[in-house]
Amino acid sequence: MEDPAVTVGLAIHFARMSLAQRVPLPPVIIELLARRVEEGDPACVMVAEWLETCGLLQLKSLPRSKRRSG
């Protein structure tokens, strides 16, 4: 999947399911999002930070330079 918008959509879709059913995100979704975050896609970084806030993802390995400022 080359389009970051597809990654964002999938991450949000599975996050809603995970939050509703109280189950972890599927590893394939985490991997897909992590790749886009590493590439520096701002929308994917924002979604990853939201998932971290929700307790569905840990961004400890994400360098500070890739995170949104502010």
N, C-alpha and C. Protein backbone atom coordinates (compact mmCIF):
# COMPACT_ATOMS: atom_id res chain seq x y z
N MET A 1 0.83 -1.17 0.00
CA MET A 1 0.00 0.00 0.00
C MET A 1 0.88 1.23 0.00
N GLU A 2 0.84 1.95 -1.07
CA GLU A 2 1.69 3.11 -1.21
C GLU A 2 1.06 4.40 -0.69
N ASP A 3 -0.25 4.45 -0.59
CA ASP A 3 -0.94 5.68 -0.21
C ASP A 3 -1.05 5.79 1.31
N PRO A 4 -0.43 6.82 1.92
CA PRO A 4 -0.53 6.99 3.37
C PRO A 4 -1.98 7.16 3.83
N ALA A 5 -2.85 7.69 2.98
CA ALA A 5 -4.26 7.86 3.37
C ALA A 5 -4.91 6.50 3.64
N VAL A 6 -4.53 5.50 2.90
CA VAL A 6 -5.06 4.15 3.13
C VAL A 6 -4.56 3.64 4.48
N THR A 7 -3.31 3.89 4.78
CA THR A 7 -2.74 3.49 6.07
C THR A 7 -3.49 4.17 7.21
N VAL A 8 -3.73 5.47 7.08
CA VAL A 8 -4.45 6.21 8.11
C VAL A 8 -5.85 5.64 8.29
N GLY A 9 -6.54 5.39 7.18
CA GLY A 9 -7.90 4.84 7.25
C GLY A 9 -7.94 3.48 7.93
N LEU A 10 -7.01 2.62 7.57
CA LEU A 10 -6.96 1.29 8.18
C LEU A 10 -6.63 1.37 9.67
N ALA A 11 -5.68 2.23 10.01
CA ALA A 11 -5.30 2.37 11.42
C ALA A 11 -6.48 2.87 12.25
N ILE A 12 -7.20 3.85 11.74
CA ILE A 12 -8.36 4.38 12.47
C ILE A 12 -9.46 3.32 12.57
N HIS A 13 -9.71 2.62 11.48
CA HIS A 13 -10.73 1.57 11.48
C HIS A 13 -10.43 0.51 12.54
N PHE A 14 -9.19 0.01 12.53
CA PHE A 14 -8.84 -1.03 13.49
C PHE A 14 -8.71 -0.49 14.91
N ALA A 15 -8.35 0.77 15.05
CA ALA A 15 -8.29 1.37 16.38
C ALA A 15 -9.69 1.42 17.00
N ARG A 16 -10.68 1.81 16.21
CA ARG A 16 -12.06 1.83 16.72
C ARG A 16 -12.49 0.44 17.17
N MET A 17 -12.17 -0.56 16.35
CA MET A 17 -12.53 -1.94 16.71
C MET A 17 -11.78 -2.36 17.97
N SER A 18 -10.51 -2.03 18.05
CA SER A 18 -9.70 -2.41 19.20
C SER A 18 -10.21 -1.77 20.48
N LEU A 19 -10.57 -0.49 20.39
CA LEU A 19 -11.08 0.21 21.57
C LEU A 19 -12.43 -0.35 21.99
N ALA A 20 -13.29 -0.65 21.04
CA ALA A 20 -14.63 -1.16 21.35
C ALA A 20 -14.57 -2.57 21.95
N GLN A 21 -13.67 -3.40 21.40
CA GLN A 21 -13.60 -4.79 21.84
C GLN A 21 -12.49 -5.03 22.87
N ARG A 22 -11.75 -3.98 23.17
CA ARG A 22 -10.65 -4.07 24.13
C ARG A 22 -9.64 -5.16 23.79
N VAL A 23 -9.22 -5.11 22.54
CA VAL A 23 -8.20 -6.03 22.04
C VAL A 23 -7.08 -5.20 21.41
N PRO A 24 -5.88 -5.76 21.30
CA PRO A 24 -4.78 -5.00 20.69
C PRO A 24 -4.97 -4.81 19.18
N LEU A 25 -4.27 -3.82 18.66
CA LEU A 25 -4.25 -3.62 17.21
C LEU A 25 -3.57 -4.81 16.55
N PRO A 26 -4.01 -5.20 15.37
CA PRO A 26 -3.32 -6.28 14.66
C PRO A 26 -1.87 -5.86 14.33
N PRO A 27 -0.93 -6.75 14.50
CA PRO A 27 0.47 -6.43 14.23
C PRO A 27 0.72 -5.89 12.82
N VAL A 28 -0.02 -6.38 11.85
CA VAL A 28 0.19 -5.92 10.48
C VAL A 28 -0.17 -4.44 10.34
N ILE A 29 -1.15 -3.98 11.07
CA ILE A 29 -1.54 -2.57 11.04
C ILE A 29 -0.47 -1.72 11.72
N ILE A 30 0.06 -2.20 12.83
CA ILE A 30 1.13 -1.49 13.53
C ILE A 30 2.35 -1.38 12.62
N GLU A 31 2.69 -2.46 11.95
CA GLU A 31 3.85 -2.47 11.07
C GLU A 31 3.66 -1.50 9.90
N LEU A 32 2.48 -1.51 9.31
CA LEU A 32 2.18 -0.63 8.20
C LEU A 32 2.28 0.83 8.63
N LEU A 33 1.70 1.15 9.77
CA LEU A 33 1.75 2.52 10.28
C LEU A 33 3.18 2.91 10.64
N ALA A 34 3.91 2.01 11.26
CA ALA A 34 5.30 2.29 11.66
C ALA A 34 6.16 2.63 10.44
N ARG A 35 5.95 1.93 9.34
CA ARG A 35 6.71 2.23 8.12
C ARG A 35 6.46 3.65 7.65
N ARG A 36 5.20 4.05 7.67
CA ARG A 36 4.83 5.41 7.23
C ARG A 36 5.35 6.46 8.20
N VAL A 37 5.35 6.15 9.48
CA VAL A 37 5.87 7.08 10.48
C VAL A 37 7.37 7.26 10.27
N GLU A 38 8.07 6.16 10.02
CA GLU A 38 9.51 6.23 9.77
C GLU A 38 9.82 7.07 8.53
N GLU A 39 8.92 7.05 7.56
CA GLU A 39 9.08 7.86 6.35
C GLU A 39 8.77 9.33 6.62
N GLY A 40 8.16 9.60 7.77
CA GLY A 40 7.88 10.97 8.16
C GLY A 40 6.55 11.52 7.68
N ASP A 41 5.62 10.65 7.29
CA ASP A 41 4.32 11.14 6.85
C ASP A 41 3.60 11.80 8.02
N PRO A 42 3.24 13.09 7.90
CA PRO A 42 2.66 13.81 9.03
C PRO A 42 1.31 13.25 9.49
N ALA A 43 0.47 12.82 8.59
CA ALA A 43 -0.83 12.26 8.99
C ALA A 43 -0.64 10.96 9.76
N CYS A 44 0.28 10.14 9.32
CA CYS A 44 0.54 8.87 10.02
C CYS A 44 1.17 9.12 11.39
N VAL A 45 2.03 10.13 11.49
CA VAL A 45 2.62 10.48 12.78
C VAL A 45 1.51 10.91 13.74
N MET A 46 0.59 11.73 13.24
CA MET A 46 -0.51 12.22 14.08
C MET A 46 -1.38 11.06 14.56
N VAL A 47 -1.70 10.13 13.67
CA VAL A 47 -2.51 8.97 14.06
C VAL A 47 -1.75 8.09 15.05
N ALA A 48 -0.46 7.91 14.83
CA ALA A 48 0.34 7.10 15.75
C ALA A 48 0.37 7.74 17.13
N GLU A 49 0.48 9.05 17.19
CA GLU A 49 0.46 9.73 18.49
C GLU A 49 -0.90 9.58 19.17
N TRP A 50 -1.97 9.64 18.38
CA TRP A 50 -3.32 9.42 18.93
C TRP A 50 -3.45 8.00 19.48
N LEU A 51 -2.95 7.02 18.72
CA LEU A 51 -3.01 5.63 19.17
C LEU A 51 -2.20 5.44 20.46
N GLU A 52 -1.10 6.15 20.57
CA GLU A 52 -0.31 6.08 21.80
C GLU A 52 -1.12 6.65 22.97
N THR A 53 -1.79 7.76 22.73
CA THR A 53 -2.63 8.37 23.77
C THR A 53 -3.74 7.43 24.20
N CYS A 54 -4.28 6.67 23.26
CA CYS A 54 -5.35 5.71 23.56
C CYS A 54 -4.83 4.44 24.21
N GLY A 55 -3.51 4.27 24.25
CA GLY A 55 -2.92 3.08 24.85
C GLY A 55 -2.84 1.89 23.91
N LEU A 56 -2.97 2.15 22.61
CA LEU A 56 -2.93 1.05 21.63
C LEU A 56 -1.57 0.88 20.96
N LEU A 57 -0.66 1.82 21.21
CA LEU A 57 0.62 1.81 20.51
C LEU A 57 1.67 2.48 21.39
N GLN A 58 2.92 2.03 21.28
CA GLN A 58 4.02 2.67 22.00
C GLN A 58 4.97 3.27 20.98
N LEU A 59 5.26 4.55 21.13
CA LEU A 59 6.13 5.26 20.19
C LEU A 59 7.53 5.48 20.73
N LYS A 60 7.92 4.76 21.75
CA LYS A 60 9.21 4.99 22.38
C LYS A 60 10.37 4.88 21.39
N SER A 61 10.24 4.06 20.38
CA SER A 61 11.33 3.89 19.42
C SER A 61 11.32 4.95 18.32
N LEU A 62 10.31 5.80 18.29
CA LEU A 62 10.21 6.84 17.28
C LEU A 62 11.10 8.02 17.66
N PRO A 63 12.06 8.36 16.81
CA PRO A 63 12.94 9.49 17.13
C PRO A 63 12.14 10.78 17.27
N ARG A 64 12.57 11.65 18.14
CA ARG A 64 11.89 12.94 18.38
C ARG A 64 11.80 13.76 17.10
N SER A 65 12.80 13.66 16.23
CA SER A 65 12.81 14.48 15.02
C SER A 65 11.65 14.13 14.08
N LYS A 66 11.09 12.95 14.20
CA LYS A 66 9.99 12.54 13.33
C LYS A 66 8.64 12.93 13.89
N ARG A 67 8.58 13.27 15.17
CA ARG A 67 7.31 13.64 15.78
C ARG A 67 6.94 15.06 15.42
N ARG A 68 5.65 15.32 15.46
CA ARG A 68 5.19 16.68 15.23
C ARG A 68 5.66 17.55 16.37
N SER A 69 6.01 18.77 16.05
CA SER A 69 6.40 19.69 17.11
C SER A 69 5.17 20.37 17.68
N GLY A 70 5.19 20.64 18.97
CA GLY A 70 4.08 21.35 19.61
C GLY A 70 3.33 20.50 20.45
